[in-house]
Amino acid sequence: MALSTIISHDPDTFIAAFAGSIIFVVSAIDFAVWARVLLFAASMMIGLICSEFCAQVLSQLSSKLLGLGLDVPPVVGAVVSAAAAVRLLMYLTTRPKKAGSIFDHNFRKGEK
């Protein structure tokens, strides 16, 4: 199912998801190369899969918050979802100096 969803997109959506993923690769210099490659792939996949959903959300937000009747194309949704997905993954996996990451705090084994 996911493969048919990815293949059915226009070439413009592929380019937009690639651009959103490149935004991450350029800005994430504090990750190892292998981590950047994995996060790039995740960003590209999420950008392709969520492009139409993100475009609909952006259209609804523009009409409700700004009063504009914009029809946001899936290309814009691909860029936004690809860039936002990896930023969210980066936020969830970074370790603050004192508290640890969100995953460490909520999923520690043996401690309560």
N, C-alpha and C. Protein backbone atom coordinates (compact mmCIF):
# COMPACT_ATOMS: atom_id res chain seq x y z
N MET A 1 0.81 -1.19 0.00
CA MET A 1 0.00 0.00 0.00
C MET A 1 0.86 1.25 0.00
N ALA A 2 1.87 1.30 0.84
CA ALA A 2 2.71 2.48 0.91
C ALA A 2 3.50 2.68 -0.37
N LEU A 3 3.94 1.60 -0.99
CA LEU A 3 4.71 1.72 -2.23
C LEU A 3 3.84 2.28 -3.35
N SER A 4 2.60 1.85 -3.44
CA SER A 4 1.71 2.39 -4.47
C SER A 4 1.37 3.85 -4.20
N THR A 5 1.33 4.25 -2.93
CA THR A 5 1.10 5.65 -2.60
C THR A 5 2.28 6.51 -3.02
N ILE A 6 3.48 6.01 -2.83
CA ILE A 6 4.67 6.78 -3.19
C ILE A 6 4.83 6.87 -4.70
N ILE A 7 4.57 5.79 -5.40
CA ILE A 7 4.78 5.77 -6.85
C ILE A 7 3.76 6.64 -7.58
N SER A 8 2.57 6.80 -7.02
CA SER A 8 1.50 7.51 -7.72
C SER A 8 1.65 9.03 -7.71
N HIS A 9 2.69 9.57 -7.12
CA HIS A 9 2.86 11.02 -7.05
C HIS A 9 3.44 11.59 -8.34
N ASP A 10 3.21 12.88 -8.53
CA ASP A 10 3.79 13.60 -9.65
C ASP A 10 5.29 13.79 -9.41
N PRO A 11 6.04 14.00 -10.50
CA PRO A 11 7.48 14.29 -10.32
C PRO A 11 7.72 15.56 -9.50
N ASP A 12 6.81 16.52 -9.60
CA ASP A 12 6.97 17.74 -8.81
C ASP A 12 6.93 17.45 -7.31
N THR A 13 6.11 16.51 -6.90
CA THR A 13 6.02 16.17 -5.49
C THR A 13 7.29 15.47 -5.02
N PHE A 14 7.89 14.64 -5.88
CA PHE A 14 9.17 14.02 -5.55
C PHE A 14 10.25 15.09 -5.34
N ILE A 15 10.28 16.06 -6.24
CA ILE A 15 11.29 17.13 -6.13
C ILE A 15 11.06 17.95 -4.87
N ALA A 16 9.79 18.23 -4.54
CA ALA A 16 9.49 19.01 -3.35
C ALA A 16 9.85 18.25 -2.07
N ALA A 17 9.57 16.96 -2.02
CA ALA A 17 9.95 16.16 -0.85
C ALA A 17 11.47 16.08 -0.74
N PHE A 18 12.14 15.99 -1.87
CA PHE A 18 13.61 15.99 -1.88
C PHE A 18 14.14 17.32 -1.35
N ALA A 19 13.51 18.43 -1.76
CA ALA A 19 13.93 19.74 -1.28
C ALA A 19 13.72 19.88 0.22
N GLY A 20 12.60 19.39 0.71
CA GLY A 20 12.36 19.43 2.16
C GLY A 20 13.36 18.59 2.92
N SER A 21 13.77 17.47 2.34
CA SER A 21 14.77 16.62 2.98
C SER A 21 16.15 17.26 2.94
N ILE A 22 16.45 17.94 1.87
CA ILE A 22 17.74 18.64 1.76
C ILE A 22 17.84 19.76 2.79
N ILE A 23 16.72 20.41 3.08
CA ILE A 23 16.72 21.44 4.14
C ILE A 23 17.26 20.85 5.43
N PHE A 24 16.84 19.63 5.71
CA PHE A 24 17.33 18.96 6.93
C PHE A 24 18.81 18.65 6.83
N VAL A 25 19.25 18.06 5.73
CA VAL A 25 20.64 17.62 5.61
C VAL A 25 21.60 18.80 5.73
N VAL A 26 21.22 19.92 5.18
CA VAL A 26 22.09 21.10 5.25
C VAL A 26 22.16 21.65 6.66
N SER A 27 21.05 21.56 7.40
CA SER A 27 21.03 22.19 8.72
C SER A 27 21.44 21.26 9.86
N ALA A 28 21.56 19.98 9.63
CA ALA A 28 21.84 19.03 10.71
C ALA A 28 23.31 18.61 10.70
N ILE A 29 24.16 19.51 11.10
CA ILE A 29 25.59 19.19 11.09
C ILE A 29 26.03 18.47 12.35
N ASP A 30 25.18 18.44 13.38
CA ASP A 30 25.57 17.80 14.64
C ASP A 30 25.26 16.31 14.69
N PHE A 31 24.72 15.75 13.62
CA PHE A 31 24.44 14.31 13.55
C PHE A 31 25.53 13.61 12.75
N ALA A 32 25.72 12.34 13.03
CA ALA A 32 26.67 11.54 12.27
C ALA A 32 26.14 11.35 10.85
N VAL A 33 27.04 10.99 9.94
CA VAL A 33 26.66 10.84 8.54
C VAL A 33 25.59 9.77 8.37
N TRP A 34 25.75 8.63 9.04
CA TRP A 34 24.77 7.57 8.89
C TRP A 34 23.41 7.99 9.42
N ALA A 35 23.38 8.79 10.49
CA ALA A 35 22.11 9.27 11.03
C ALA A 35 21.46 10.26 10.09
N ARG A 36 22.27 11.11 9.45
CA ARG A 36 21.72 12.04 8.47
C ARG A 36 21.13 11.33 7.27
N VAL A 37 21.78 10.25 6.83
CA VAL A 37 21.26 9.48 5.70
C VAL A 37 19.92 8.83 6.06
N LEU A 38 19.83 8.25 7.25
CA LEU A 38 18.58 7.63 7.68
C LEU A 38 17.47 8.67 7.86
N LEU A 39 17.80 9.79 8.46
CA LEU A 39 16.79 10.83 8.65
C LEU A 39 16.39 11.47 7.32
N PHE A 40 17.33 11.55 6.37
CA PHE A 40 16.99 12.03 5.03
C PHE A 40 15.99 11.10 4.36
N ALA A 41 16.23 9.80 4.47
CA ALA A 41 15.31 8.83 3.86
C ALA A 41 13.94 8.90 4.53
N ALA A 42 13.92 9.01 5.85
CA ALA A 42 12.65 9.12 6.56
C ALA A 42 11.91 10.39 6.17
N SER A 43 12.64 11.48 6.04
CA SER A 43 12.04 12.73 5.65
C SER A 43 11.46 12.67 4.25
N MET A 44 12.17 12.04 3.34
CA MET A 44 11.70 11.90 1.97
C MET A 44 10.42 11.07 1.92
N MET A 45 10.40 9.96 2.64
CA MET A 45 9.22 9.08 2.65
C MET A 45 8.02 9.80 3.28
N ILE A 46 8.23 10.46 4.39
CA ILE A 46 7.14 11.16 5.06
C ILE A 46 6.64 12.31 4.19
N GLY A 47 7.56 13.00 3.53
CA GLY A 47 7.16 14.07 2.62
C GLY A 47 6.28 13.58 1.49
N LEU A 48 6.59 12.41 0.95
CA LEU A 48 5.78 11.86 -0.13
C LEU A 48 4.45 11.32 0.37
N ILE A 49 4.46 10.64 1.48
CA ILE A 49 3.24 10.02 1.99
C ILE A 49 2.26 11.07 2.52
N CYS A 50 2.77 12.09 3.19
CA CYS A 50 1.90 13.07 3.85
C CYS A 50 1.68 14.35 3.06
N SER A 51 2.09 14.39 1.81
CA SER A 51 2.00 15.64 1.04
C SER A 51 0.58 16.14 0.88
N GLU A 52 -0.33 15.26 0.52
CA GLU A 52 -1.72 15.69 0.31
C GLU A 52 -2.39 16.07 1.63
N PHE A 53 -2.13 15.31 2.68
CA PHE A 53 -2.70 15.64 3.99
C PHE A 53 -2.21 16.99 4.48
N CYS A 54 -0.92 17.22 4.37
CA CYS A 54 -0.34 18.48 4.83
C CYS A 54 -0.88 19.65 4.00
N ALA A 55 -1.07 19.44 2.70
CA ALA A 55 -1.63 20.50 1.85
C ALA A 55 -3.06 20.83 2.28
N GLN A 56 -3.85 19.81 2.63
CA GLN A 56 -5.21 20.07 3.10
C GLN A 56 -5.21 20.80 4.43
N VAL A 57 -4.30 20.43 5.32
CA VAL A 57 -4.21 21.11 6.61
C VAL A 57 -3.81 22.57 6.41
N LEU A 58 -2.84 22.82 5.54
CA LEU A 58 -2.43 24.20 5.28
C LEU A 58 -3.56 25.00 4.63
N SER A 59 -4.34 24.38 3.78
CA SER A 59 -5.50 25.07 3.18
C SER A 59 -6.52 25.43 4.24
N GLN A 60 -6.80 24.49 5.13
CA GLN A 60 -7.77 24.76 6.20
C GLN A 60 -7.26 25.83 7.16
N LEU A 61 -5.99 25.78 7.50
CA LEU A 61 -5.43 26.80 8.39
C LEU A 61 -5.47 28.18 7.77
N SER A 62 -5.17 28.26 6.48
CA SER A 62 -5.20 29.57 5.82
C SER A 62 -6.61 30.12 5.74
N SER A 63 -7.60 29.26 5.57
CA SER A 63 -8.98 29.75 5.49
C SER A 63 -9.53 30.10 6.88
N LYS A 64 -9.20 29.32 7.88
CA LYS A 64 -9.74 29.57 9.22
C LYS A 64 -9.01 30.71 9.94
N LEU A 65 -7.69 30.71 9.88
CA LEU A 65 -6.93 31.70 10.64
C LEU A 65 -6.77 33.03 9.91
N LEU A 66 -6.55 32.96 8.61
CA LEU A 66 -6.27 34.18 7.85
C LEU A 66 -7.45 34.66 7.02
N GLY A 67 -8.47 33.82 6.88
CA GLY A 67 -9.62 34.20 6.08
C GLY A 67 -9.36 34.16 4.58
N LEU A 68 -8.34 33.43 4.17
CA LEU A 68 -7.99 33.32 2.75
C LEU A 68 -8.45 31.98 2.23
N GLY A 69 -8.99 31.96 1.04
CA GLY A 69 -9.42 30.72 0.43
C GLY A 69 -8.33 30.15 -0.47
N LEU A 70 -7.21 29.78 0.11
CA LEU A 70 -6.09 29.26 -0.67
C LEU A 70 -6.25 27.78 -0.92
N ASP A 71 -5.89 27.36 -2.11
CA ASP A 71 -5.84 25.95 -2.45
C ASP A 71 -4.36 25.57 -2.52
N VAL A 72 -3.85 25.01 -1.45
CA VAL A 72 -2.43 24.67 -1.36
C VAL A 72 -2.18 23.38 -2.13
N PRO A 73 -1.25 23.40 -3.08
CA PRO A 73 -0.97 22.18 -3.85
C PRO A 73 -0.18 21.17 -3.02
N PRO A 74 -0.25 19.90 -3.41
CA PRO A 74 0.50 18.86 -2.68
C PRO A 74 2.01 19.08 -2.71
N VAL A 75 2.50 19.83 -3.66
CA VAL A 75 3.94 20.12 -3.71
C VAL A 75 4.37 20.88 -2.47
N VAL A 76 3.59 21.88 -2.09
CA VAL A 76 3.90 22.66 -0.89
C VAL A 76 3.77 21.78 0.35
N GLY A 77 2.76 20.92 0.35
CA GLY A 77 2.59 19.99 1.46
C GLY A 77 3.76 19.05 1.60
N ALA A 78 4.36 18.64 0.48
CA ALA A 78 5.52 17.74 0.52
C ALA A 78 6.72 18.43 1.15
N VAL A 79 6.97 19.68 0.79
CA VAL A 79 8.11 20.41 1.36
C VAL A 79 7.92 20.60 2.86
N VAL A 80 6.73 21.05 3.23
CA VAL A 80 6.48 21.34 4.65
C VAL A 80 6.51 20.06 5.48
N SER A 81 5.87 19.00 5.00
CA SER A 81 5.85 17.77 5.80
C SER A 81 7.21 17.11 5.88
N ALA A 82 8.02 17.19 4.81
CA ALA A 82 9.36 16.61 4.86
C ALA A 82 10.24 17.36 5.85
N ALA A 83 10.18 18.68 5.82
CA ALA A 83 11.01 19.47 6.74
C ALA A 83 10.51 19.34 8.17
N ALA A 84 9.21 19.35 8.37
CA ALA A 84 8.66 19.29 9.73
C ALA A 84 8.84 17.91 10.35
N ALA A 85 8.76 16.87 9.56
CA ALA A 85 8.88 15.51 10.09
C ALA A 85 10.24 15.28 10.72
N VAL A 86 11.28 15.68 10.05
CA VAL A 86 12.61 15.45 10.59
C VAL A 86 12.89 16.37 11.76
N ARG A 87 12.38 17.59 11.72
CA ARG A 87 12.56 18.47 12.88
C ARG A 87 11.88 17.85 14.10
N LEU A 88 10.73 17.24 13.91
CA LEU A 88 10.06 16.58 15.02
C LEU A 88 10.86 15.38 15.51
N LEU A 89 11.39 14.59 14.58
CA LEU A 89 12.24 13.45 14.98
C LEU A 89 13.50 13.93 15.70
N MET A 90 14.08 15.02 15.25
CA MET A 90 15.27 15.56 15.92
C MET A 90 14.93 16.03 17.33
N TYR A 91 13.78 16.66 17.48
CA TYR A 91 13.37 17.13 18.80
C TYR A 91 13.16 15.96 19.75
N LEU A 92 12.55 14.90 19.27
CA LEU A 92 12.26 13.76 20.12
C LEU A 92 13.50 12.96 20.50
N THR A 93 14.55 13.02 19.70
CA THR A 93 15.73 12.19 19.96
C THR A 93 16.90 12.96 20.57
N THR A 94 16.84 14.27 20.63
CA THR A 94 17.96 14.99 21.23
C THR A 94 17.90 14.86 22.74
N ARG A 95 19.07 14.87 23.34
CA ARG A 95 19.17 14.71 24.78
C ARG A 95 19.56 16.05 25.41
N PRO A 96 18.63 16.63 26.17
CA PRO A 96 19.03 17.80 26.94
C PRO A 96 20.08 17.41 27.98
N LYS A 97 20.83 18.36 28.46
CA LYS A 97 21.95 18.05 29.35
C LYS A 97 21.51 17.39 30.65
N LYS A 98 20.37 17.77 31.20
CA LYS A 98 19.97 17.24 32.50
C LYS A 98 18.90 16.15 32.42
N ALA A 99 17.94 16.29 31.54
CA ALA A 99 16.76 15.43 31.60
C ALA A 99 16.84 14.20 30.71
N GLY A 100 17.64 14.17 29.69
CA GLY A 100 17.63 13.07 28.74
C GLY A 100 16.57 13.33 27.67
N SER A 101 16.43 12.43 26.74
CA SER A 101 15.44 12.63 25.68
C SER A 101 14.05 12.26 26.18
N ILE A 102 13.05 12.60 25.40
CA ILE A 102 11.68 12.27 25.77
C ILE A 102 11.50 10.76 25.83
N PHE A 103 12.14 10.04 24.91
CA PHE A 103 12.03 8.59 24.90
C PHE A 103 12.66 7.98 26.15
N ASP A 104 13.79 8.53 26.58
CA ASP A 104 14.44 8.01 27.78
C ASP A 104 13.59 8.25 29.02
N HIS A 105 12.98 9.41 29.08
CA HIS A 105 12.18 9.78 30.25
C HIS A 105 10.93 8.91 30.39
N ASN A 106 10.27 8.64 29.29
CA ASN A 106 8.99 7.91 29.35
C ASN A 106 9.13 6.40 29.24
N PHE A 107 10.22 5.90 28.72
CA PHE A 107 10.33 4.48 28.46
C PHE A 107 11.52 3.82 29.13
N ARG A 108 11.88 4.27 30.29
CA ARG A 108 12.96 3.64 31.03
C ARG A 108 12.51 2.32 31.59
N LYS A 109 13.34 1.34 31.50
CA LYS A 109 12.99 0.02 32.02
C LYS A 109 13.48 -0.09 33.46
N GLY A 110 12.62 -0.54 34.32
CA GLY A 110 13.01 -0.83 35.68
C GLY A 110 12.95 0.35 36.62
N GLU A 111 12.73 1.57 36.12
CA GLU A 111 12.66 2.74 36.99
C GLU A 111 11.27 3.32 36.94
N LYS A 112 10.80 3.82 38.08
CA LYS A 112 9.50 4.49 38.11
C LYS A 112 9.57 5.76 38.88
